[in-house]
Protein backbone atom coordinates (compact mmCIF):
# COMPACT_ATOMS: atom_id res chain seq x y z
CA MET A 1 -2.46 -2.83 -6.74
CA PHE A 2 -3.49 -1.15 -3.53
CA VAL A 3 -0.17 0.22 -1.58
CA THR A 4 -0.18 2.36 1.94
CA ALA A 5 3.27 3.89 2.70
CA PRO A 6 4.13 6.52 4.52
CA THR A 7 5.36 10.05 3.16
CA GLY A 8 8.82 9.81 1.20
CA ALA A 9 8.83 5.61 1.15
CA GLY A 10 9.02 5.95 -2.94
CA LYS A 11 5.04 5.82 -3.51
CA SER A 12 5.46 7.85 -6.84
CA LEU A 13 8.27 5.84 -8.16
CA ILE A 14 5.18 3.23 -8.39
CA PHE A 15 4.09 5.61 -10.97
CA GLN A 16 6.67 6.92 -12.36
CA ILE A 17 9.29 4.34 -13.53
CA PRO A 18 6.02 2.41 -15.74
CA ALA A 19 5.34 6.02 -17.34
CA ILE A 20 9.71 6.24 -18.61
CA TYR A 21 9.59 3.24 -19.91
CA LEU A 22 6.47 2.70 -21.65
CA ALA A 23 7.19 6.47 -22.62
CA GLU A 24 10.65 5.58 -24.34
CA ARG A 25 10.81 2.36 -25.03
CA PHE A 26 7.30 1.97 -26.93
CA LYS A 27 6.19 5.68 -27.11
CA LEU A 28 3.39 5.38 -25.22
CA LEU A 29 1.06 7.88 -23.17
CA THR A 30 0.46 7.38 -19.15
CA ILE A 31 -1.87 8.64 -17.12
CA VAL A 32 -1.44 8.99 -13.42
CA VAL A 33 -4.70 10.16 -11.54
CA SER A 34 -4.03 11.51 -8.50
CA PRO A 35 -5.80 14.05 -5.97
CA LEU A 36 -2.83 16.15 -5.12
CA ILE A 37 -2.34 18.72 -6.89
CA ALA A 38 1.32 19.64 -5.01
CA LEU A 39 2.62 16.04 -5.89
CA MET A 40 1.75 16.70 -9.92
CA ASN A 41 2.99 19.13 -10.01
CA ASP A 42 6.70 18.16 -7.60
CA HIS A 43 6.24 15.70 -10.19
CA VAL A 44 6.17 17.70 -13.54
CA ILE A 45 8.85 19.34 -11.44
CA ASN A 46 11.07 17.01 -11.17
CA LEU A 47 11.08 15.71 -13.93
CA GLY A 48 10.93 18.05 -16.23
CA LEU A 49 14.37 18.90 -14.19
CA LYS A 50 15.23 16.18 -15.46
CA ASN A 51 14.97 16.13 -19.41
CA PHE A 52 12.14 14.52 -19.64
CA ASP A 53 10.16 15.84 -21.93
CA GLY A 54 6.52 15.94 -23.02
CA VAL A 55 5.58 15.64 -18.69
CA GLU A 56 2.19 18.26 -17.82
CA THR A 57 0.11 18.14 -15.05
CA ILE A 58 -4.08 18.59 -15.78
CA ASN A 59 -6.04 20.15 -12.71
CA SER A 60 -8.45 22.40 -11.10
CA GLU A 61 -6.02 24.82 -11.51
CA THR A 62 -5.69 24.66 -15.44
CA PRO A 63 -7.29 26.79 -17.16
CA PRO A 64 -9.75 25.63 -19.59
CA ASN A 65 -8.70 26.89 -22.98
CA ASN A 66 -5.31 25.01 -21.66
CA ARG A 67 -7.19 21.66 -20.40
CA ALA A 68 -8.35 21.16 -24.82
CA CYS A 69 -5.99 18.70 -26.68
CA ARG A 70 -2.78 19.12 -27.88
CA HIS A 71 -1.35 17.75 -31.28
C-alpha cells in the first residue's frame, strides 16, 4: 500500500489502529518503521497518555544499551 497525504490528514492512524487492535485482541507485537524520530516520539508520548502499555521507540538517539531485547 502507498499513501500520500498532507500533514495533519491522519496518516498516523493507519499505523496505530491496526497495532492497537492486534495487541489487544491477539497479544501480538507490531513494529512500525518510520524515518522521522520526532513522529516516533510523538506517537509514543500520545499512546502513553492514552494508557497503552508497552509502547516503545528505538532510533539513532537511543543509547546502545537500551536497544537490547528486553524480556
